[in-house]
Amino acid sequence: MSTRSPANPILRPQDVPPSRPGFEVIGALNAAAAQLGDETLLLVRVVERPINPDPDVFIAPVFDPDTGDLVLKRFPKGAPGYNFADPRAIGTPEGDYLSGISHLRLARSRDGVHFEVAAAPALFPADEYETFGVEDPRVTRIGEDFYVTYVAVSRLGIVTRLARTRDFRSFERLGVIFPPDNKDVVLFPEKIGGKYFALHRPSTSGLGRPEIWLAESPDLLDWGHHRHLIGTRSGTWEAARLGAGAPPIKTSRGWLEIYHGADQNNHYFLGTLLLDLEEPGRVLARSEQPILGPEAEYERLGFFGNVVFTCGALLDGDRVRVYYGAADTCMALVEFSLDELI
């Protein structure tokens, strides 16, 4: 059975200092996880917004690549043509803006439960692809390097970019690896048949649904041979959309993938896939029921409620530690036995 940590939520917005004066942290969520020596590391998505003393004005922070700083866009609430239905964004006549801007922040722990958060961002928006923020990282160790796939959001669309690090102190950006609109990209931790593999989630603009695809690459930069892996299932916990969660975990039975699904009410759950070790495009098993759903108060109530969403899981002996974002607000931890998941 799953065991939620009694320390949950293990990271809250109030545990993270804002990156600059005049801002407040409203989300610490969807963290990638890695083990480096005797430390557990989380690369946390931190959402900030400017402190706003005027209730009649909506302020949207936007990164300006020309100046390297943030610009605050102001919009009058209640004006014709403005849409405030989604708390995460505002619709304006000139296009959508986000209510906050995200960066990635490092948190360290000796026990995997209690984390110390760095004062400064690890990855902050840097160019025209990241003007609305960087989000939802995943970390895969390949050899001595840790590769970070992350979502970059801007007027150019939602793309997935790749960065590389060895120490989580300095990061080398390697560029866009999946064009708009694509997210939920996770890398397999080793070559299979001489090629790298990734799961990804292209979005659609009419036909098709947001579902999980598989791609392969000779060098982690150029991706091709895209094919559909699994789709939504009508009337279930994964009826509306799917996406890869944590990077696949290698087991003797196959690649274990913990992924997310959302139902028609936009409630998010976690499920599992088992993929063939030699042919990752072959699904060996798939959970009929979710392994985790929004039940605890911190999972049901928050910035966007009824959400459990993982970007990182670590194998620790015969236990799997799953780190997950809850209600688009905070971080939590749940543990499973490996046998139970398989």
Protein backbone atom coordinates (compact mmCIF):
# COMPACT_ATOMS: atom_id res chain seq x y z
CA MET A 1 0.00 0.00 0.00
CA SER A 2 1.06 3.59 -0.51
CA THR A 3 2.30 5.57 2.48
CA ARG A 4 2.02 9.35 2.43
CA SER A 5 4.75 11.00 4.45
CA PRO A 6 3.51 12.24 7.84
CA ALA A 7 5.58 15.38 7.11
CA ASN A 8 3.41 16.28 4.10
CA PRO A 9 3.42 18.77 2.60
CA ILE A 10 7.21 18.59 2.65
CA LEU A 11 7.62 21.95 0.87
CA ARG A 12 5.18 24.85 0.96
CA PRO A 13 5.29 28.29 -0.67
CA GLN A 14 6.14 29.88 2.69
CA ASP A 15 9.24 27.65 2.90
CA VAL A 16 10.73 29.30 -0.20
CA PRO A 17 12.11 32.85 -0.12
CA PRO A 18 11.13 34.99 -3.13
CA SER A 19 13.88 35.60 -5.66
CA ARG A 20 13.51 39.40 -5.49
CA PRO A 21 11.99 42.15 -3.36
CA GLY A 22 8.34 42.97 -3.96
CA PHE A 23 7.42 39.40 -4.96
CA GLU A 24 5.68 36.58 -3.13
CA VAL A 25 5.95 32.82 -3.69
CA ILE A 26 2.57 31.26 -4.43
CA GLY A 27 3.70 27.78 -5.49
CA ALA A 28 6.50 25.29 -4.76
CA LEU A 29 5.52 22.29 -6.84
CA ASN A 30 6.24 19.67 -9.52
CA ALA A 31 9.86 19.05 -8.54
CA ALA A 32 12.31 16.79 -10.31
CA ALA A 33 14.22 14.44 -8.00
CA ALA A 34 17.80 13.18 -8.06
CA GLN A 35 20.23 11.43 -5.76
CA LEU A 36 23.75 12.91 -5.58
CA GLY A 37 26.01 11.20 -3.08
CA ASP A 38 24.21 11.08 0.25
CA GLU A 39 21.88 13.95 -0.63
CA THR A 40 18.41 13.90 -2.15
CA LEU A 41 17.95 16.87 -4.45
CA LEU A 42 14.73 18.42 -5.63
CA LEU A 43 14.67 20.86 -8.53
CA VAL A 44 11.48 22.66 -7.59
CA ARG A 45 9.23 24.73 -9.79
CA VAL A 46 8.77 27.97 -7.86
CA VAL A 47 5.92 30.26 -8.92
CA GLU A 48 6.16 33.92 -7.94
CA ARG A 49 4.03 36.97 -8.50
CA PRO A 50 4.42 40.66 -7.66
CA ILE A 51 2.77 41.77 -4.45
CA ASN A 52 -0.23 43.73 -5.67
CA PRO A 53 -1.79 46.39 -3.39
CA ASP A 54 -4.47 47.31 -5.96
CA PRO A 55 -7.37 44.80 -6.10
CA ASP A 56 -8.70 46.42 -9.27
CA VAL A 57 -5.58 45.71 -11.31
CA PHE A 58 -4.18 42.40 -12.52
CA ILE A 59 -0.37 42.30 -12.79
CA ALA A 60 1.40 39.80 -15.03
CA PRO A 61 5.20 39.41 -14.76
CA VAL A 62 7.00 38.84 -18.08
CA PHE A 63 10.72 38.28 -18.66
CA ASP A 64 12.29 40.76 -21.07
CA PRO A 65 15.20 39.09 -22.94
CA ASP A 66 16.52 42.49 -24.06
CA THR A 67 17.06 43.79 -20.53
CA GLY A 68 17.38 40.46 -18.70
CA ASP A 69 14.80 41.55 -16.14
CA LEU A 70 11.08 41.28 -15.47
CA VAL A 71 8.46 43.66 -16.84
CA LEU A 72 5.17 44.02 -14.97
CA LYS A 73 2.13 44.20 -17.27
CA ARG A 74 -0.94 45.80 -15.69
CA PHE A 75 -4.54 45.08 -16.74
CA PRO A 76 -7.75 46.56 -15.27
CA LYS A 77 -10.04 43.93 -13.83
CA GLY A 78 -13.55 43.86 -15.21
CA ALA A 79 -12.65 45.58 -18.48
CA PRO A 80 -14.45 44.26 -21.60
CA GLY A 81 -12.58 41.54 -23.42
CA TYR A 82 -10.63 40.29 -20.37
CA ASN A 83 -11.06 36.75 -19.05
CA PHE A 84 -10.15 35.90 -15.45
CA ALA A 85 -11.85 32.48 -15.29
CA ASP A 86 -8.58 30.54 -14.88
CA PRO A 87 -6.63 31.60 -11.77
CA ARG A 88 -3.39 30.65 -13.54
CA ALA A 89 -3.82 33.07 -16.45
CA ILE A 90 -5.59 36.12 -17.83
CA GLY A 91 -7.04 36.37 -21.31
CA THR A 92 -6.58 39.81 -22.90
CA PRO A 93 -7.31 41.25 -26.34
CA GLU A 94 -3.56 41.09 -27.08
CA GLY A 95 -3.21 37.48 -25.91
CA ASP A 96 -2.92 35.46 -22.72
CA TYR A 97 -0.63 36.22 -19.79
CA LEU A 98 0.21 34.15 -16.72
CA SER A 99 -0.59 35.35 -13.23
CA GLY A 100 2.86 34.31 -11.99
CA ILE A 101 6.24 33.45 -13.43
CA SER A 102 8.10 30.22 -12.66
CA HIS A 103 11.75 29.42 -12.18
CA LEU A 104 13.58 26.32 -10.89
CA ARG A 105 15.05 26.26 -7.38
CA LEU A 106 17.27 23.62 -5.77
CA ALA A 107 16.39 21.99 -2.44
CA ARG A 108 18.69 19.59 -0.56
CA SER A 109 18.00 16.90 2.03
CA ARG A 110 19.91 14.25 3.97
CA ASP A 111 16.83 12.17 4.76
CA GLY A 112 14.71 12.73 1.65
CA VAL A 113 11.97 14.36 3.70
CA HIS A 114 13.24 17.60 5.24
CA PHE A 115 14.66 19.99 2.66
CA GLU A 116 16.73 23.15 2.74
CA VAL A 117 15.85 25.48 -0.13
CA ALA A 118 18.49 27.58 -1.88
CA ALA A 119 18.04 31.34 -1.69
CA ALA A 120 18.59 31.95 -5.40
CA PRO A 121 17.14 30.31 -8.54
CA ALA A 122 19.02 27.46 -10.21
CA LEU A 123 17.40 28.11 -13.62
CA PHE A 124 15.68 31.43 -14.26
CA PRO A 125 14.11 32.61 -17.57
CA ALA A 126 16.93 33.55 -19.92
CA ASP A 127 15.70 34.24 -23.47
CA GLU A 128 12.75 34.63 -25.84
CA TYR A 129 11.60 31.02 -25.33
CA GLU A 130 11.23 31.54 -21.57
CA THR A 131 9.51 34.91 -21.23
CA PHE A 132 6.55 33.43 -19.33
CA GLY A 133 8.72 31.13 -17.21
CA VAL A 134 10.33 27.71 -16.92
CA GLU A 135 8.29 24.88 -15.47
CA ASP A 136 7.93 21.21 -14.51
CA PRO A 137 11.48 19.83 -14.76
CA ARG A 138 12.51 16.18 -14.93
CA VAL A 139 16.03 14.98 -14.13
CA THR A 140 17.63 11.84 -15.60
CA ARG A 141 21.15 10.73 -14.77
CA ILE A 142 23.03 9.32 -17.75
CA GLY A 143 26.60 8.41 -16.89
CA GLU A 144 28.16 11.24 -14.88
CA ASP A 145 25.76 13.87 -16.20
CA PHE A 146 22.31 14.88 -15.04
CA TYR A 147 20.02 15.96 -17.87
CA VAL A 148 17.14 18.31 -17.10
CA THR A 149 14.15 18.46 -19.42
CA TYR A 150 11.93 21.41 -18.65
CA VAL A 151 9.01 23.32 -20.13
CA ALA A 152 9.65 26.82 -21.45
CA VAL A 153 6.63 29.07 -21.99
CA SER A 154 6.42 32.19 -24.12
CA ARG A 155 4.46 33.85 -26.92
CA LEU A 156 6.30 31.40 -29.20
CA GLY A 157 4.49 28.49 -27.56
CA ILE A 158 5.13 25.74 -25.04
CA VAL A 159 8.40 23.95 -25.83
CA THR A 160 10.62 21.46 -24.04
CA ARG A 161 14.26 22.38 -23.54
CA LEU A 162 17.26 20.43 -22.30
CA ALA A 163 19.98 21.41 -19.83
CA ARG A 164 22.93 19.49 -18.41
CA THR A 165 24.72 19.61 -15.07
CA ARG A 166 27.03 17.55 -12.89
CA ASP A 167 26.78 19.44 -9.62
CA PHE A 168 23.43 21.32 -9.77
CA ARG A 169 25.39 24.53 -9.27
CA SER A 170 25.98 25.35 -12.94
CA PHE A 171 23.75 24.35 -15.85
CA GLU A 172 24.48 24.24 -19.57
CA ARG A 173 21.43 24.95 -21.71
CA LEU A 174 21.44 22.68 -24.77
CA GLY A 175 18.42 24.15 -26.58
CA VAL A 176 14.88 23.25 -27.63
CA ILE A 177 14.43 19.52 -28.19
CA PHE A 178 10.64 19.38 -28.74
CA PRO A 179 8.82 22.26 -30.50
CA PRO A 180 5.37 23.71 -29.65
CA ASP A 181 3.25 22.52 -28.10
CA ASN A 182 5.01 19.71 -26.28
CA LYS A 183 5.65 18.92 -22.62
CA ASP A 184 5.92 16.08 -20.09
CA VAL A 185 9.20 14.93 -21.66
CA VAL A 186 11.13 12.30 -19.69
CA LEU A 187 14.39 10.65 -20.75
CA PHE A 188 15.25 6.99 -20.24
CA PRO A 189 18.44 6.69 -18.13
CA GLU A 190 20.45 4.65 -20.64
CA LYS A 191 20.66 3.83 -24.32
CA ILE A 192 18.48 1.00 -25.61
CA GLY A 193 19.74 -0.69 -28.75
CA GLY A 194 22.26 2.10 -29.22
CA LYS A 195 19.66 4.91 -29.05
CA TYR A 196 18.29 7.28 -26.47
CA PHE A 197 14.54 7.21 -25.82
CA ALA A 198 12.07 9.74 -24.45
CA LEU A 199 8.39 9.90 -23.62
CA HIS A 200 6.65 13.12 -24.61
CA ARG A 201 3.18 14.66 -24.78
CA PRO A 202 2.34 16.67 -27.92
CA SER A 203 -0.77 18.83 -27.67
CA THR A 204 -3.36 18.96 -30.42
CA SER A 205 -5.47 21.71 -31.93
CA GLY A 206 -8.53 19.76 -33.00
CA LEU A 207 -8.08 16.11 -33.84
CA GLY A 208 -6.45 13.81 -31.34
CA ARG A 209 -5.94 14.11 -27.60
CA PRO A 210 -3.05 14.99 -25.25
CA GLU A 211 -1.52 11.52 -24.89
CA ILE A 212 1.86 9.84 -24.41
CA TRP A 213 4.21 9.33 -27.36
CA LEU A 214 7.65 7.74 -27.69
CA ALA A 215 10.63 9.16 -29.57
CA GLU A 216 14.27 8.19 -30.07
CA SER A 217 17.53 10.04 -30.65
CA PRO A 218 21.20 9.36 -31.41
CA ASP A 219 22.46 12.25 -29.27
CA LEU A 220 19.66 13.56 -26.97
CA LEU A 221 19.29 16.64 -29.20
CA ASP A 222 17.71 15.44 -32.46
CA TRP A 223 14.54 13.42 -31.91
CA GLY A 224 12.62 11.32 -34.42
CA HIS A 225 10.75 8.05 -35.05
CA HIS A 226 7.84 9.43 -33.05
CA ARG A 227 5.00 7.02 -32.35
CA HIS A 228 1.96 6.90 -30.14
CA LEU A 229 2.36 4.86 -26.95
CA ILE A 230 -0.86 5.03 -24.89
CA GLY A 231 -4.09 6.98 -25.10
CA THR A 232 -6.89 8.21 -22.88
CA ARG A 233 -9.65 5.86 -21.69
CA SER A 234 -13.20 7.17 -21.77
CA GLY A 235 -15.10 7.37 -18.50
CA THR A 236 -12.03 6.77 -16.33
CA TRP A 237 -9.54 8.70 -14.21
CA GLU A 238 -7.52 9.30 -17.41
CA ALA A 239 -10.30 10.28 -19.78
CA ALA A 240 -9.19 13.82 -20.64
CA ARG A 241 -5.38 13.78 -20.92
CA LEU A 242 -2.23 11.87 -20.12
CA GLY A 243 1.40 12.72 -19.60
CA ALA A 244 4.62 11.09 -18.48
CA GLY A 245 5.56 11.83 -14.89
CA ALA A 246 8.84 10.65 -13.42
CA PRO A 247 11.68 9.37 -15.65
CA PRO A 248 11.35 5.60 -16.16
CA ILE A 249 12.85 3.34 -13.49
CA LYS A 250 14.68 0.23 -14.70
CA THR A 251 13.55 -3.00 -13.00
CA SER A 252 14.09 -6.66 -13.76
CA ARG A 253 10.52 -6.83 -15.10
CA GLY A 254 10.68 -3.80 -17.38
CA TRP A 255 10.78 0.00 -17.40
CA LEU A 256 8.44 1.28 -14.70
CA GLU A 257 6.83 4.60 -15.66
CA ILE A 258 4.72 6.57 -13.20
CA TYR A 259 2.49 8.90 -15.22
CA HIS A 260 -0.41 11.27 -14.66
CA GLY A 261 -3.93 11.27 -16.02
CA ALA A 262 -6.81 13.71 -15.69
CA ASP A 263 -10.53 13.01 -15.79
CA GLN A 264 -13.29 15.12 -17.30
CA ASN A 265 -13.44 17.22 -14.13
CA ASN A 266 -9.74 18.13 -14.36
CA HIS A 267 -8.90 16.00 -11.33
CA TYR A 268 -5.36 14.60 -11.66
CA PHE A 269 -4.23 11.12 -10.65
CA LEU A 270 -1.12 8.94 -10.92
CA GLY A 271 -0.93 5.58 -12.67
CA THR A 272 1.74 3.13 -13.82
CA LEU A 273 3.04 1.58 -17.02
CA LEU A 274 5.47 -1.28 -17.50
CA LEU A 275 7.45 -1.11 -20.75
CA ASP A 276 9.65 -3.78 -22.32
CA LEU A 277 13.34 -3.37 -21.45
CA GLU A 278 14.54 -3.94 -25.02
CA GLU A 279 11.54 -2.50 -26.87
CA PRO A 280 10.21 0.44 -24.84
CA GLY A 281 7.42 0.96 -27.37
CA ARG A 282 5.86 -2.31 -26.19
CA VAL A 283 3.51 -1.93 -23.21
CA LEU A 284 3.63 -4.95 -20.92
CA ALA A 285 1.14 -3.71 -18.35
CA ARG A 286 -0.91 -0.66 -17.42
CA SER A 287 -2.76 0.11 -14.19
CA GLU A 288 -6.53 0.03 -14.49
CA GLN A 289 -6.98 2.09 -11.33
CA PRO A 290 -4.84 5.03 -10.20
CA ILE A 291 -2.14 4.42 -7.62
CA LEU A 292 -2.71 7.87 -6.12
CA GLY A 293 -5.48 10.43 -6.26
CA PRO A 294 -6.30 13.76 -4.59
CA GLU A 295 -7.62 12.80 -1.16
CA ALA A 296 -5.69 14.76 1.47
CA GLU A 297 -6.67 18.36 2.10
CA TYR A 298 -3.39 19.72 0.67
CA GLU A 299 -4.12 17.76 -2.55
CA ARG A 300 -7.73 18.89 -2.85
CA LEU A 301 -7.40 22.56 -1.88
CA GLY A 302 -4.91 24.99 -3.35
CA PHE A 303 -4.14 27.22 -6.29
CA PHE A 304 -5.63 24.59 -8.65
CA GLY A 305 -7.29 21.92 -6.55
CA ASN A 306 -7.66 18.15 -6.86
CA VAL A 307 -4.23 17.59 -8.39
CA VAL A 308 -1.44 15.10 -7.73
CA PHE A 309 1.35 15.47 -10.30
CA THR A 310 4.78 13.88 -10.20
CA CYS A 311 7.99 14.89 -11.98
CA GLY A 312 10.35 12.72 -9.97
CA ALA A 313 10.63 9.35 -8.25
CA LEU A 314 13.63 7.60 -6.70
CA LEU A 315 14.24 3.89 -6.18
CA ASP A 316 15.51 3.27 -2.65
CA GLY A 317 16.09 -0.46 -2.17
CA ASP A 318 12.70 -2.09 -2.54
CA ARG A 319 10.86 1.19 -2.00
CA VAL A 320 9.95 3.88 -4.54
CA ARG A 321 9.81 7.44 -3.22
CA VAL A 322 7.46 9.51 -5.37
CA TYR A 323 7.74 13.28 -5.01
CA TYR A 324 4.67 15.07 -6.31
CA GLY A 325 3.06 18.46 -6.60
CA ALA A 326 -0.25 18.83 -4.77
CA ALA A 327 -3.03 21.21 -5.84
CA ASP A 328 -0.53 23.23 -7.91
CA THR A 329 0.69 24.67 -4.60
CA CYS A 330 3.06 22.48 -2.59
CA MET A 331 5.27 19.37 -2.64
CA ALA A 332 4.46 16.06 -1.01
CA LEU A 333 5.98 12.58 -0.74
CA VAL A 334 4.45 9.14 -1.00
CA GLU A 335 6.22 5.78 -0.82
CA PHE A 336 5.34 2.48 -2.47
CA SER A 337 6.95 -0.92 -2.48
CA LEU A 338 8.47 -1.72 -5.87
CA ASP A 339 6.65 -5.06 -5.95
CA GLU A 340 3.35 -3.31 -5.26
CA LEU A 341 3.78 -0.97 -8.21
CA ILE A 342 4.78 -3.76 -10.59
